[in-house]
Protein backbone atom coordinates (compact mmCIF):
# COMPACT_ATOMS: atom_id res chain seq x y z
CA MET A 1 -5.33 40.02 36.75
CA LEU A 2 -7.31 42.77 36.08
CA LYS A 3 -10.33 42.68 33.95
CA THR A 4 -12.72 45.03 32.69
CA PHE A 5 -15.57 45.99 30.78
CA SER A 6 -17.83 49.17 30.33
CA ILE A 7 -20.69 50.31 28.49
CA THR A 8 -23.22 53.69 28.01
CA ASP A 9 -26.64 53.40 26.62
CA ILE A 10 -29.07 56.21 26.06
CA GLY A 11 -31.31 54.96 27.77
CA LYS A 12 -35.74 54.75 26.65
CA ARG A 13 -36.25 58.43 27.23
CA ARG A 14 -33.19 60.63 26.12
CA LYS A 15 -32.15 61.88 22.64
CA LEU A 16 -28.52 62.67 23.36
CA ASN A 17 -26.42 60.09 25.59
CA GLN A 18 -24.53 62.85 27.41
CA ASP A 19 -22.84 60.03 29.59
CA TYR A 20 -18.98 59.07 28.74
CA VAL A 21 -17.09 56.45 30.16
CA TYR A 22 -13.23 55.89 29.35
CA THR A 23 -11.30 53.31 30.62
CA SER A 24 -7.15 51.91 30.40
CA GLU A 25 -6.82 48.72 32.41
CA ARG A 26 -2.57 49.95 31.07
CA PRO A 27 -0.82 52.34 32.63
CA VAL A 28 -1.11 56.46 32.05
CA GLY A 29 1.73 58.49 33.21
CA ASN A 30 2.32 57.43 36.61
CA LEU A 31 -1.27 55.72 36.82
CA PRO A 32 -1.52 51.81 36.41
CA ASN A 33 -4.99 52.34 34.63
CA VAL A 34 -7.63 54.45 34.66
CA PHE A 35 -11.46 54.48 34.97
CA ILE A 36 -13.67 57.74 34.99
CA VAL A 37 -17.54 58.04 34.29
CA ALA A 38 -18.92 61.20 33.35
CA ASP A 39 -22.60 62.58 33.10
CA GLY A 40 -22.95 65.64 31.54
CA MET A 41 -25.74 68.68 31.70
CA GLY A 42 -26.76 71.15 29.65
CA GLY A 43 -29.30 71.92 27.35
CA HIS A 44 -28.67 71.24 23.41
CA ASN A 45 -25.67 69.58 22.67
CA ALA A 46 -23.38 70.80 25.89
CA GLY A 47 -24.11 68.22 28.23
CA ASP A 48 -22.35 65.52 25.89
CA TYR A 49 -19.71 68.11 25.10
CA ALA A 50 -18.90 68.51 28.97
CA SER A 51 -18.77 64.90 29.59
CA LYS A 52 -16.29 64.01 26.65
CA TYR A 53 -14.27 67.04 26.92
CA THR A 54 -13.96 66.73 30.46
CA VAL A 55 -12.70 63.17 30.67
CA GLU A 56 -9.94 63.97 27.51
CA THR A 57 -8.88 66.70 29.70
CA ILE A 58 -8.68 64.49 32.95
CA VAL A 59 -6.59 61.80 30.83
CA ARG A 60 -4.61 64.35 29.22
CA GLU A 61 -3.24 65.58 32.16
CA ILE A 62 -2.90 62.70 33.96
CA ALA A 63 -0.77 61.10 30.93
CA ALA A 64 1.28 64.42 31.54
CA SER A 65 1.88 64.57 34.91
CA PHE A 66 5.36 64.05 37.30
CA GLU A 67 3.61 63.68 40.07
CA VAL A 68 3.06 60.03 42.09
CA ASN A 69 0.68 60.67 44.28
CA PRO A 70 -2.46 59.14 42.67
CA GLU A 71 -4.63 61.47 44.71
CA LYS A 72 -2.54 64.47 43.67
CA ILE A 73 -2.33 63.23 40.10
CA LEU A 74 -6.24 63.10 39.95
CA ALA A 75 -6.81 66.09 42.11
CA LYS A 76 -4.74 68.86 39.54
CA ALA A 77 -6.29 66.93 36.78
CA ILE A 78 -10.16 67.29 37.70
CA GLU A 79 -9.03 70.99 38.36
CA VAL A 80 -7.74 71.67 35.26
CA ALA A 81 -10.93 70.24 33.26
CA ASN A 82 -13.28 72.44 35.82
CA GLU A 83 -10.96 75.73 34.73
CA ASP A 84 -11.56 74.57 31.11
CA ILE A 85 -14.89 73.45 31.14
CA ILE A 86 -15.94 77.16 32.97
CA ARG A 87 -13.70 78.84 30.16
CA LEU A 88 -15.90 77.49 27.61
CA ALA A 89 -18.83 77.88 28.54
CA ARG A 90 -18.05 81.62 29.19
CA GLU A 91 -17.07 81.93 25.38
CA ASN A 92 -20.00 79.98 24.17
CA VAL A 93 -23.06 81.23 24.43
CA GLU A 94 -24.88 77.66 23.72
CA MET A 95 -22.34 76.10 26.21
CA GLU A 96 -23.41 78.23 29.27
CA GLY A 97 -24.50 76.59 32.36
CA MET A 98 -22.95 73.11 30.75
CA GLY A 99 -21.45 71.09 33.56
CA THR A 100 -20.79 67.07 34.42
CA THR A 101 -20.29 64.37 37.03
CA VAL A 102 -17.11 62.93 37.46
CA VAL A 103 -15.80 59.69 39.03
CA ALA A 104 -12.31 58.41 38.66
CA ALA A 105 -10.47 55.42 39.99
CA THR A 106 -7.06 53.73 39.63
CA CYS A 107 -6.58 50.31 40.65
CA MET A 108 -3.51 49.93 42.87
CA GLY A 109 -3.17 46.12 43.36
CA LYS A 110 -5.67 45.49 46.31
CA TYR A 111 -6.30 49.24 46.53
CA LEU A 112 -8.36 51.61 44.79
CA ARG A 113 -8.10 55.17 44.97
CA VAL A 114 -11.59 57.33 43.96
CA ALA A 115 -12.40 60.79 42.95
CA ASN A 116 -15.61 61.56 43.11
CA VAL A 117 -17.50 64.79 41.85
CA GLY A 118 -21.18 65.20 41.54
CA ASP A 119 -23.75 62.38 41.77
CA SER A 120 -22.60 59.56 39.76
CA ARG A 121 -21.46 56.52 41.85
CA LEU A 122 -18.71 53.98 42.59
CA TYR A 123 -19.80 50.13 44.79
CA VAL A 124 -17.75 47.47 45.79
CA VAL A 125 -19.60 44.85 45.42
CA GLY A 126 -19.40 41.17 46.71
CA GLU A 127 -21.70 39.13 49.47
CA LYS A 128 -23.33 42.53 50.16
CA ILE A 129 -23.17 46.05 48.15
CA THR A 130 -21.27 49.14 49.44
CA GLN A 131 -21.34 52.52 47.89
CA ILE A 132 -17.99 53.79 47.99
CA THR A 133 -19.00 57.63 46.82
CA ARG A 134 -21.21 59.53 48.59
CA ASP A 135 -23.61 62.16 46.39
CA HIS A 136 -23.04 65.62 46.05
CA SER A 137 -26.90 66.30 45.73
CA LEU A 138 -29.51 68.23 47.70
CA VAL A 139 -31.67 65.24 48.33
CA GLU A 140 -28.10 63.45 49.95
CA GLU A 141 -27.57 66.59 52.02
CA MET A 142 -31.38 66.03 53.54
CA VAL A 143 -30.49 62.73 54.15
CA ARG A 144 -27.18 63.58 56.14
CA MET A 145 -28.87 66.19 58.21
CA GLY A 146 -31.87 63.89 59.07
CA GLY A 147 -34.61 65.66 57.46
CA ILE A 148 -35.46 62.84 55.19
CA ASP A 149 -34.77 58.75 55.18
CA ARG A 150 -33.42 56.92 52.57
CA GLU A 151 -36.32 55.31 50.75
CA THR A 152 -38.09 58.91 50.35
CA ALA A 153 -34.84 60.43 48.91
CA ARG A 154 -35.26 57.59 45.83
CA ASN A 155 -38.19 59.22 44.89
CA HIS A 156 -38.00 62.93 45.70
CA PRO A 157 -38.61 65.26 43.41
CA ASP A 158 -35.59 67.24 43.74
CA LYS A 159 -33.29 64.37 43.62
CA ASN A 160 -31.58 65.38 40.22
CA ILE A 161 -30.32 68.62 41.64
CA ILE A 162 -26.40 68.18 41.94
CA THR A 163 -24.37 70.49 45.03
CA ARG A 164 -20.86 69.90 43.16
CA ALA A 165 -20.15 69.16 39.21
CA ILE A 166 -17.30 70.26 36.91
CA GLY A 167 -17.81 73.56 35.70
CA ALA A 168 -20.29 75.20 37.89
CA THR A 169 -17.81 76.64 40.49
CA GLU A 170 -14.71 78.65 39.86
CA LYS A 171 -12.96 76.18 42.40
CA VAL A 172 -13.77 72.62 42.21
CA GLU A 173 -14.01 70.42 45.64
CA VAL A 174 -12.99 66.94 45.31
CA ASP A 175 -13.62 63.79 47.55
CA PHE A 176 -11.62 61.12 47.61
CA PHE A 177 -11.59 57.55 48.96
CA ASP A 178 -9.15 55.07 49.44
CA VAL A 179 -10.90 51.21 48.93
CA GLU A 180 -9.17 47.90 49.88
CA LEU A 181 -10.27 45.44 47.59
CA LYS A 182 -10.87 41.71 48.70
CA PRO A 183 -11.03 38.81 46.11
CA GLY A 184 -14.32 38.28 44.66
CA GLU A 185 -15.42 41.74 44.48
CA ILE A 186 -15.95 43.60 41.86
CA VAL A 187 -15.98 47.62 41.34
CA LEU A 188 -18.92 49.17 40.01
CA MET A 189 -18.93 52.53 38.50
CA CYS A 190 -22.04 54.38 36.85
CA SER A 191 -23.71 57.27 35.88
CA ASP A 192 -27.27 57.96 38.15
CA GLY A 193 -29.34 56.50 35.11
CA LEU A 194 -28.55 52.96 36.24
CA THR A 195 -29.14 54.28 39.96
CA ASN A 196 -32.36 55.71 39.68
CA MET A 197 -33.85 52.68 37.39
CA LEU A 198 -32.57 49.73 40.22
CA GLU A 199 -32.34 49.40 43.57
CA ASP A 200 -28.51 48.39 44.80
CA GLU A 201 -30.00 45.41 46.03
CA GLU A 202 -30.94 44.79 42.44
CA ILE A 203 -27.72 45.87 41.34
CA ARG A 204 -26.03 43.30 43.34
CA MET A 205 -27.99 40.28 42.47
CA ILE A 206 -27.59 41.10 39.02
CA LEU A 207 -23.54 41.80 39.60
CA ASN A 208 -23.71 37.80 41.31
CA GLY A 209 -25.70 36.26 39.05
CA GLN A 210 -24.04 36.32 35.49
CA ARG A 211 -21.32 34.55 34.54
CA ASP A 212 -19.16 37.31 33.29
CA ILE A 213 -18.14 40.54 33.52
CA VAL A 214 -19.68 41.50 29.55
CA GLU A 215 -23.11 39.44 30.75
CA LYS A 216 -22.96 41.16 34.04
CA ALA A 217 -22.93 45.11 31.79
CA GLU A 218 -25.38 44.29 29.55
CA GLU A 219 -28.09 42.87 32.15
CA LEU A 220 -27.39 45.95 34.54
CA VAL A 221 -28.25 48.08 31.26
CA LYS A 222 -31.45 46.19 30.66
CA ALA A 223 -32.81 45.88 33.65
CA ALA A 224 -32.45 49.96 34.06
CA ASN A 225 -34.40 50.30 30.52
CA ASN A 226 -36.74 47.66 31.38
CA ASN A 227 -37.46 50.13 34.62
CA GLY A 228 -38.33 52.72 32.63
CA GLY A 229 -34.78 53.95 31.03
CA LYS A 230 -35.37 57.41 32.01
CA ASP A 231 -31.84 58.45 31.61
CA ASN A 232 -28.58 57.69 29.95
CA ILE A 233 -26.89 54.56 31.65
CA ALA A 234 -23.18 54.59 31.72
CA VAL A 235 -21.42 51.37 33.35
CA VAL A 236 -17.80 50.61 34.01
CA LEU A 237 -17.23 46.87 35.58
CA ILE A 238 -13.53 46.22 37.07
CA GLU A 239 -12.53 42.77 38.44
CA PRO A 240 -9.11 43.10 40.41
CA PHE A 241 -8.74 39.85 40.87
CA ALA A 242 -10.06 38.15 37.91
CA GLU A 243 -8.88 34.80 36.90
């Protein structure tokens, strides 16, 4: 049985919460369930508008799709959201430059299908923690090219510069991942407000140290805030094989 819990928190430094999450354990269109995390960017209210609007558009498009292939369903929904965000930013001066990351997933039995744009992440956590998505960020590109190591990347001054986002370019490039899940594993989707405050190993220990899914999520948010809470925090947890 699938069990999920989601939470967002404004953090300790921000005046607005620009993170937005959506979870549905029930079918949405031809997908058996849908989970989304979006981390908005842009001045004033543009960032929180971008994340909320993007998520709502993706959900609406999934629900209306006649496609059966999950990758095609998610790709089309994200493309429509990207076009809408660009159009709205052109039409409204106060929304100029707005955009958002998005990571979306659907659990199909023991398989997880994942779509990603930006630097919000999806992990699979069991005895070890594995980052499934790859950040679309300047610093991640530098790591990949061998310019800097992973440890330097964590504290790099440019680590918030992302190379892909919804609303950034006319054509959005989406990465897709397929994961086979094992009993006892938990799926974590989150914004960088969590991962910038906590090391992967700290996240694993928190998730493995709490009894239930609600405590796990709340403890992650608490730990991120205790470490500085410099950004909004979004957490979605999925237990695919819950008792």
